[in-house]
Amino acid sequence: MSYKCPRCGEPVHRGYSRGAQMTAGLIGAAFYAAFGSFVCKKCGKIAKEEFSPEERRKMTNGTILLVIGGLALIGLVIWLWTIS
């Protein structure tokens, strides 16, 4: 889901950390994206407080879904590991 930058109107995306992905793989990247900041290519990091309350609610829902997805992935890996 894409959000508009409150400063310039360009699309923003969730932060990305190559270090988190290298350390913890897909799960690390998902958790970093869930709790990281939003970034605009023109303006840089954007604080959540700059977005409208409606957009912040959508961001919170997205964060919850990313966390649930990460936990489900961890559970799936553990389950696959125990049955083999």
Protein backbone atom coordinates (compact mmCIF):
# COMPACT_ATOMS: atom_id res chain seq x y z
CA MET A 1 0.00 0.00 0.00
CA SER A 2 1.38 3.37 -0.98
CA TYR A 3 0.94 6.57 0.99
CA LYS A 4 1.46 10.13 -0.22
CA CYS A 5 4.14 12.29 1.33
CA PRO A 6 2.49 15.04 3.40
CA ARG A 7 5.25 17.46 2.33
CA CYS A 8 5.52 16.99 -1.44
CA GLY A 9 2.73 14.56 -2.43
CA GLU A 10 5.10 11.91 -3.84
CA PRO A 11 4.67 8.26 -2.82
CA VAL A 12 6.42 7.08 0.35
CA HIS A 13 7.47 3.55 1.27
CA ARG A 14 8.39 1.73 4.43
CA GLY A 15 12.03 1.79 5.44
CA TYR A 16 14.37 -1.00 4.38
CA SER A 17 17.48 -2.31 6.10
CA ARG A 18 19.90 -4.56 4.28
CA GLY A 19 21.56 -5.32 7.62
CA ALA A 20 18.30 -6.56 9.15
CA GLN A 21 17.65 -8.71 6.10
CA MET A 22 21.18 -10.14 6.12
CA THR A 23 21.00 -10.88 9.85
CA ALA A 24 17.51 -12.35 10.11
CA GLY A 25 16.46 -12.96 6.50
CA LEU A 26 12.91 -12.41 5.35
CA ILE A 27 11.58 -12.28 8.91
CA GLY A 28 14.08 -9.55 9.87
CA ALA A 29 13.18 -7.51 6.80
CA ALA A 30 9.45 -7.84 7.56
CA PHE A 31 9.88 -6.75 11.18
CA TYR A 32 12.10 -3.82 10.17
CA ALA A 33 9.49 -2.73 7.63
CA ALA A 34 6.74 -3.08 10.23
CA PHE A 35 8.46 -0.87 12.81
CA GLY A 36 10.70 1.27 10.61
CA SER A 37 10.02 4.78 9.42
CA PHE A 38 8.44 5.87 6.16
CA VAL A 39 10.73 7.31 3.50
CA CYS A 40 10.09 9.73 0.64
CA LYS A 41 12.62 9.79 -2.21
CA LYS A 42 12.57 13.61 -2.24
CA CYS A 43 12.09 14.51 1.44
CA GLY A 44 13.77 11.61 3.26
CA LYS A 45 12.33 10.15 6.47
CA ILE A 46 8.78 11.18 7.32
CA ALA A 47 7.49 11.08 10.90
CA LYS A 48 4.15 9.31 11.35
CA GLU A 49 2.80 12.39 13.10
CA GLU A 50 2.95 14.28 9.81
CA PHE A 51 0.35 11.98 8.22
CA SER A 52 -3.40 12.39 8.67
CA PRO A 53 -5.17 10.32 11.37
CA GLU A 54 -6.82 8.22 8.63
CA GLU A 55 -3.46 7.35 7.07
CA ARG A 56 -1.94 6.59 10.48
CA ARG A 57 -4.76 4.09 11.13
CA LYS A 58 -4.00 2.40 7.79
CA MET A 59 -0.30 2.33 8.69
CA THR A 60 -1.06 0.73 12.05
CA ASN A 61 -3.19 -1.92 10.36
CA GLY A 62 -0.36 -2.59 7.90
CA THR A 63 2.11 -2.91 10.76
CA ILE A 64 -0.15 -5.39 12.55
CA LEU A 65 -0.51 -7.45 9.37
CA LEU A 66 3.27 -7.49 8.81
CA VAL A 67 3.86 -8.65 12.39
CA ILE A 68 1.20 -11.38 12.09
CA GLY A 69 2.73 -12.46 8.79
CA GLY A 70 6.21 -12.61 10.34
CA LEU A 71 4.97 -14.64 13.30
CA ALA A 72 3.09 -16.99 10.98
CA LEU A 73 6.26 -17.46 8.94
CA ILE A 74 8.24 -18.26 12.10
CA GLY A 75 5.53 -20.74 13.14
CA LEU A 76 5.58 -22.38 9.70
CA VAL A 77 9.36 -22.77 9.76
CA ILE A 78 9.25 -24.30 13.25
CA TRP A 79 6.43 -26.63 12.25
CA LEU A 80 8.25 -27.77 9.11
CA TRP A 81 11.41 -28.28 11.12
CA THR A 82 9.67 -30.45 13.72
CA ILE A 83 7.95 -32.75 11.21
CA SER A 84 11.12 -33.59 9.32
